[in-house]
Amino acid sequence: MKWFDYAAPASLDETVKLLAQHPGALLLAGGTDLLVQLRAGKKQTDLVVDVKHIPELNALHHDPAKGLTLGAAVPCYRIYGDGAVQSAFPALAEVAGIIGGTQIQGRASIGGNLCNAAPSADSIPLLIALGAVCRVAGPSGTREVAVEDFCTAPGRNVLGPGELLVSIQLPPGPARSGARYLRFIPRNEMDIAVAGAGVSVVLEDGVFRSARIALAAVAPTPLFVREAGEALAGQPVTPEAISAAAEIARGAARPITDMRGTADYRRHLCSVLTRRALETAVQRAREAR
């Protein structure tokens, strides 16, 4: 592994200035992806900037009126161990608990999972389904980016020179809402998804008021299937409506064939996982107050 310098700024302003001075610097939130990539020679840099000491990136705060603020460097164990997250965003707590093993969850962050921009990332489809928005800081100030627009290609995202992801904002869940992420993996844990589906629904008087559906590992980026959610809006909550949305998700998938599964198998999984995730989300919405 090539040598590099290390910096651990304590403020957001200091970090932005440091990134402006070192255009090739790489950010470290947990390091569970970055250190592996550096050791393998897939990435090189002269400076690694550790952002775990910045207060804004460590924020984990739930406001019933404003939703959840999730700092980009908050490790997974803090997310699934937080009572407010478990209560208001149970699907997010579940996703944080399936990213790697226990040791990985002590370091890895949802923000890092998002910035790594892997097509198979487990957290991103659920964030898309929940309507999450990214807060980005850089030399020109701050801006907001919808999560579905954040990843641009495998391993690439919208962050420009000198920018970093500060936090992810999840809006409060409406009454009678529910969400779920499901994936298929060859082993029981610590494996990469062959396919995944994240969904959220809002019900009203036995009808889908709205829905959002996103897929993992079946396109160059995590895939927001807007038309599948729109197809459910206004429809009665029936198995037929759910199956129709699942088939739309299947049709939107653009998978490849590799050692983990064929393209046809992944399309089939998109339908199955979307249907099952919707069924669970509907059940949770019916149980919600």
Protein backbone atom coordinates (compact mmCIF):
# COMPACT_ATOMS: atom_id res chain seq x y z
CA MET A 1 0.00 0.00 0.00
CA LYS A 2 1.33 3.44 -0.96
CA TRP A 3 2.19 5.80 1.90
CA PHE A 4 -0.17 8.68 2.69
CA ASP A 5 -0.53 11.45 5.24
CA TYR A 6 -3.39 11.48 7.73
CA ALA A 7 -5.50 14.38 9.01
CA ALA A 8 -8.38 14.43 11.51
CA PRO A 9 -10.05 17.86 11.37
CA ALA A 10 -12.42 18.79 14.17
CA SER A 11 -14.78 21.08 12.26
CA LEU A 12 -16.63 21.20 8.96
CA ASP A 13 -14.97 24.48 7.92
CA GLU A 14 -11.52 23.04 8.60
CA THR A 15 -12.37 19.99 6.50
CA VAL A 16 -13.59 22.03 3.53
CA LYS A 17 -10.40 24.15 3.61
CA LEU A 18 -8.26 21.01 3.84
CA LEU A 19 -10.00 19.45 0.84
CA ALA A 20 -9.49 22.66 -1.15
CA GLN A 21 -5.76 22.52 -0.40
CA HIS A 22 -5.48 18.82 -1.28
CA PRO A 23 -7.68 18.04 -4.32
CA GLY A 24 -6.68 14.37 -4.32
CA ALA A 25 -7.52 13.73 -0.66
CA LEU A 26 -9.82 10.84 0.23
CA LEU A 27 -12.34 10.89 3.06
CA LEU A 28 -12.51 8.23 5.75
CA ALA A 29 -15.73 7.80 7.72
CA GLY A 30 -15.40 4.20 8.87
CA GLY A 31 -12.73 2.95 6.50
CA THR A 32 -14.33 -0.45 5.90
CA ASP A 33 -14.36 0.20 2.15
CA LEU A 34 -11.59 2.78 1.76
CA LEU A 35 -8.82 0.88 3.54
CA VAL A 36 -9.55 -2.26 1.53
CA GLN A 37 -9.42 -0.24 -1.70
CA LEU A 38 -6.14 1.42 -0.69
CA ARG A 39 -4.52 -1.90 0.21
CA ALA A 40 -5.66 -3.41 -3.09
CA GLY A 41 -4.30 -0.45 -5.05
CA LYS A 42 -7.74 0.42 -6.43
CA LYS A 43 -7.40 3.91 -4.98
CA GLN A 44 -4.35 6.05 -4.24
CA THR A 45 -3.92 9.31 -2.40
CA ASP A 46 -1.36 11.43 -0.60
CA LEU A 47 -3.81 12.36 2.17
CA VAL A 48 -6.61 10.57 4.03
CA VAL A 49 -8.98 12.86 5.91
CA ASP A 50 -10.73 11.24 8.88
CA VAL A 51 -14.13 12.91 9.32
CA LYS A 52 -15.26 11.02 12.42
CA HIS A 53 -14.37 13.93 14.72
CA ILE A 54 -16.70 16.45 13.04
CA PRO A 55 -19.87 17.08 15.12
CA GLU A 56 -22.22 17.52 12.14
CA LEU A 57 -21.13 14.17 10.69
CA ASN A 58 -21.81 12.43 14.01
CA ALA A 59 -25.32 13.83 14.49
CA LEU A 60 -28.11 11.34 15.14
CA HIS A 61 -31.26 13.23 16.06
CA HIS A 62 -34.94 12.49 15.64
CA ASP A 63 -37.58 15.23 15.69
CA PRO A 64 -41.16 13.96 15.20
CA ALA A 65 -41.97 17.11 13.20
CA LYS A 66 -38.80 17.26 11.09
CA GLY A 67 -37.72 13.64 10.82
CA LEU A 68 -34.33 12.03 11.31
CA THR A 69 -30.95 13.71 10.87
CA LEU A 70 -28.31 11.05 10.25
CA GLY A 71 -24.69 12.24 10.16
CA ALA A 72 -22.60 10.74 7.38
CA ALA A 73 -20.10 9.23 9.84
CA VAL A 74 -22.56 7.71 12.33
CA PRO A 75 -21.64 4.01 12.62
CA CYS A 76 -24.27 1.36 12.06
CA TYR A 77 -24.32 0.13 15.67
CA ARG A 78 -25.48 3.57 16.85
CA ILE A 79 -28.32 3.54 14.33
CA TYR A 80 -29.83 0.17 15.20
CA GLY A 81 -29.14 0.77 18.89
CA ASP A 82 -31.07 4.06 18.98
CA GLY A 83 -34.58 3.75 20.42
CA ALA A 84 -36.00 6.63 18.38
CA VAL A 85 -34.73 5.08 15.15
CA GLN A 86 -36.12 1.68 16.10
CA SER A 87 -39.52 3.24 16.77
CA ALA A 88 -39.82 5.77 13.92
CA PHE A 89 -37.69 4.08 11.23
CA PRO A 90 -37.56 0.34 12.00
CA ALA A 91 -36.60 -0.54 8.43
CA LEU A 92 -33.53 1.70 8.68
CA ALA A 93 -32.50 0.01 11.95
CA GLU A 94 -32.83 -3.35 10.19
CA VAL A 95 -30.65 -2.27 7.26
CA ALA A 96 -27.95 -0.94 9.60
CA GLY A 97 -27.90 -4.38 11.21
CA ILE A 98 -27.20 -6.31 7.98
CA ILE A 99 -24.26 -4.27 6.68
CA GLY A 100 -21.31 -6.60 7.27
CA GLY A 101 -20.81 -8.31 10.61
CA THR A 102 -20.77 -6.95 14.15
CA GLN A 103 -17.18 -5.73 13.92
CA ILE A 104 -17.85 -3.93 10.64
CA GLN A 105 -20.95 -2.28 12.10
CA GLY A 106 -18.78 -0.72 14.79
CA ARG A 107 -17.07 1.37 12.09
CA ALA A 108 -19.13 1.37 8.89
CA SER A 109 -21.62 4.17 8.30
CA ILE A 110 -24.70 4.60 6.13
CA GLY A 111 -23.08 7.77 4.76
CA GLY A 112 -20.01 5.82 3.73
CA ASN A 113 -22.18 3.13 2.16
CA LEU A 114 -23.88 5.85 0.12
CA CYS A 115 -20.66 7.60 -0.94
CA ASN A 116 -19.08 4.29 -1.98
CA ALA A 117 -21.91 4.12 -4.54
CA ALA A 118 -21.87 0.37 -5.05
CA PRO A 119 -24.84 -0.81 -7.15
CA SER A 120 -25.41 -3.56 -4.56
CA ALA A 121 -25.36 -1.25 -1.51
CA ASP A 122 -28.03 -2.36 0.96
CA SER A 123 -28.84 1.00 2.53
CA ILE A 124 -29.42 3.08 -0.62
CA PRO A 125 -32.67 1.52 -1.94
CA LEU A 126 -34.29 1.99 1.45
CA LEU A 127 -33.06 5.59 1.71
CA ILE A 128 -34.57 6.22 -1.73
CA ALA A 129 -37.84 4.60 -0.68
CA LEU A 130 -37.96 6.77 2.43
CA GLY A 131 -37.44 9.96 0.41
CA ALA A 132 -34.10 10.82 2.03
CA VAL A 133 -32.17 13.96 1.08
CA CYS A 134 -28.39 14.43 1.30
CA ARG A 135 -26.81 17.58 2.71
CA VAL A 136 -23.52 18.30 0.95
CA ALA A 137 -20.92 20.92 1.96
CA GLY A 138 -18.11 22.36 -0.11
CA PRO A 139 -16.24 25.51 -1.17
CA SER A 140 -19.45 27.10 -2.48
CA GLY A 141 -21.48 26.39 0.65
CA THR A 142 -24.10 23.70 1.20
CA ARG A 143 -26.59 22.08 -1.14
CA GLU A 144 -29.16 19.32 -1.03
CA VAL A 145 -29.38 16.26 -3.28
CA ALA A 146 -32.11 13.63 -3.32
CA VAL A 147 -30.62 10.21 -2.57
CA GLU A 148 -31.91 8.80 -5.86
CA ASP A 149 -29.74 11.38 -7.68
CA PHE A 150 -26.61 10.90 -5.56
CA CYS A 151 -24.99 7.87 -7.26
CA THR A 152 -24.00 8.46 -10.88
CA ALA A 153 -22.11 5.24 -11.81
CA PRO A 154 -20.51 2.26 -10.05
CA GLY A 155 -18.26 3.78 -7.39
CA ARG A 156 -19.09 7.36 -8.45
CA ASN A 157 -21.33 10.04 -6.97
CA VAL A 158 -22.30 13.70 -7.42
CA LEU A 159 -19.72 15.09 -5.00
CA GLY A 160 -17.61 17.71 -6.73
CA PRO A 161 -14.06 18.86 -5.93
CA GLY A 162 -13.76 19.77 -2.27
CA GLU A 163 -17.26 18.55 -1.36
CA LEU A 164 -18.30 16.03 1.28
CA LEU A 165 -21.51 14.44 2.45
CA VAL A 166 -22.44 15.93 5.82
CA SER A 167 -25.73 14.27 6.68
CA ILE A 168 -28.81 12.49 5.42
CA GLN A 169 -32.26 13.85 6.26
CA LEU A 170 -35.21 11.45 6.40
CA PRO A 171 -38.64 13.12 6.48
CA PRO A 172 -41.06 12.04 9.20
CA GLY A 173 -43.15 9.04 8.26
CA PRO A 174 -46.82 9.89 7.66
CA ALA A 175 -49.57 8.13 9.58
CA ARG A 176 -50.29 4.63 8.30
CA SER A 177 -46.90 4.27 6.64
CA GLY A 178 -44.50 1.35 6.51
CA ALA A 179 -41.20 0.41 4.87
CA ARG A 180 -39.02 -2.64 4.31
CA TYR A 181 -35.79 -3.67 2.59
CA LEU A 182 -35.22 -7.26 1.50
CA ARG A 183 -32.25 -8.80 -0.29
CA PHE A 184 -31.18 -12.18 -1.57
CA ILE A 185 -27.66 -13.33 -0.69
CA PRO A 186 -26.01 -16.74 -1.20
CA ARG A 187 -24.98 -16.97 2.45
CA ASN A 188 -26.74 -15.97 5.66
CA GLU A 189 -24.53 -12.98 6.45
CA MET A 190 -21.68 -10.75 5.27
CA ASP A 191 -22.35 -11.31 1.58
CA ILE A 192 -23.14 -9.03 -1.34
CA ALA A 193 -26.75 -8.86 -2.48
CA VAL A 194 -27.58 -10.64 -5.72
CA ALA A 195 -30.64 -8.37 -5.77
CA GLY A 196 -32.47 -6.20 -3.25
CA ALA A 197 -35.67 -4.17 -2.97
CA GLY A 198 -36.48 -1.24 -0.70
CA VAL A 199 -40.07 0.00 -0.47
CA SER A 200 -42.24 2.40 1.48
CA VAL A 201 -46.01 2.80 1.43
CA VAL A 202 -48.64 5.14 2.86
CA LEU A 203 -52.18 3.77 3.24
CA GLU A 204 -55.51 5.53 3.57
CA ASP A 205 -58.90 3.82 3.88
CA GLY A 206 -57.71 0.58 2.30
CA VAL A 207 -56.01 2.35 -0.60
CA PHE A 208 -52.38 3.09 -1.42
CA ARG A 209 -52.03 6.84 -0.95
CA SER A 210 -48.42 6.69 -2.17
CA ALA A 211 -45.49 4.29 -2.56
CA ARG A 212 -41.81 4.38 -3.47
CA ILE A 213 -39.79 1.41 -4.72
CA ALA A 214 -36.04 1.08 -5.36
CA LEU A 215 -33.79 -1.83 -6.32
CA ALA A 216 -30.21 -2.91 -5.58
CA ALA A 217 -27.67 -4.82 -7.69
CA VAL A 218 -29.69 -4.77 -10.93
CA ALA A 219 -28.40 -1.58 -12.61
CA PRO A 220 -25.19 0.50 -12.70
CA THR A 221 -26.55 2.45 -9.71
CA PRO A 222 -29.22 1.74 -7.10
CA LEU A 223 -32.40 2.08 -9.14
CA PHE A 224 -35.42 4.22 -8.23
CA VAL A 225 -38.43 2.66 -9.97
CA ARG A 226 -40.72 5.66 -9.76
CA GLU A 227 -43.33 4.16 -12.08
CA ALA A 228 -43.84 1.13 -9.83
CA GLY A 229 -44.78 3.35 -6.89
CA GLU A 230 -46.96 5.56 -9.05
CA ALA A 231 -48.82 2.50 -10.30
CA LEU A 232 -49.86 1.71 -6.72
CA ALA A 233 -51.07 5.23 -5.84
CA GLY A 234 -54.85 5.29 -5.63
CA GLN A 235 -55.17 1.51 -5.98
CA PRO A 236 -56.88 -0.71 -3.41
CA VAL A 237 -54.48 -2.67 -1.22
CA THR A 238 -54.81 -6.04 -2.92
CA PRO A 239 -52.43 -8.85 -3.87
CA GLU A 240 -53.14 -8.05 -7.52
CA ALA A 241 -52.03 -4.42 -7.16
CA ILE A 242 -48.88 -5.48 -5.31
CA SER A 243 -48.03 -8.11 -7.92
CA ALA A 244 -48.52 -5.61 -10.72
CA ALA A 245 -46.10 -3.17 -9.08
CA ALA A 246 -43.60 -5.99 -8.57
CA GLU A 247 -43.75 -6.81 -12.27
CA ILE A 248 -43.09 -3.17 -13.15
CA ALA A 249 -40.02 -3.29 -10.90
CA ARG A 250 -38.90 -6.46 -12.65
CA GLY A 251 -39.28 -4.79 -16.04
CA ALA A 252 -37.26 -1.76 -14.97
CA ALA A 253 -34.25 -3.83 -13.85
CA ARG A 254 -31.14 -3.76 -16.03
CA PRO A 255 -29.05 -6.56 -14.50
CA ILE A 256 -25.92 -8.28 -15.71
CA THR A 257 -24.86 -11.90 -15.50
CA ASP A 258 -21.88 -12.57 -13.27
CA MET A 259 -20.57 -15.23 -10.89
CA ARG A 260 -23.30 -14.43 -8.35
CA GLY A 261 -26.30 -14.78 -10.64
CA THR A 262 -27.69 -14.53 -14.14
CA ALA A 263 -29.56 -11.51 -15.47
CA ASP A 264 -32.78 -13.55 -15.73
CA TYR A 265 -32.43 -14.76 -12.15
CA ARG A 266 -31.93 -11.22 -10.91
CA ARG A 267 -35.05 -10.05 -12.76
CA HIS A 268 -37.02 -12.84 -11.12
CA LEU A 269 -35.65 -11.82 -7.72
CA CYS A 270 -36.72 -8.21 -8.31
CA SER A 271 -40.32 -9.33 -8.65
CA VAL A 272 -40.22 -11.67 -5.65
CA LEU A 273 -38.38 -9.28 -3.32
CA THR A 274 -40.50 -6.27 -4.27
CA ARG A 275 -43.70 -8.20 -3.68
CA ARG A 276 -42.56 -9.54 -0.31
CA ALA A 277 -41.21 -6.15 0.81
CA LEU A 278 -44.49 -4.48 -0.15
CA GLU A 279 -46.48 -7.07 1.77
CA THR A 280 -44.43 -6.42 4.91
CA ALA A 281 -44.57 -2.64 4.45
CA VAL A 282 -48.37 -2.83 4.12
CA GLN A 283 -48.61 -4.87 7.31
CA ARG A 284 -46.46 -2.34 9.16
CA ALA A 285 -48.55 0.55 7.81
CA ARG A 286 -51.72 -1.14 9.07
CA GLU A 287 -50.18 -1.57 12.50
CA ALA A 288 -48.84 2.01 12.65
CA ARG A 289 -50.65 4.64 14.67
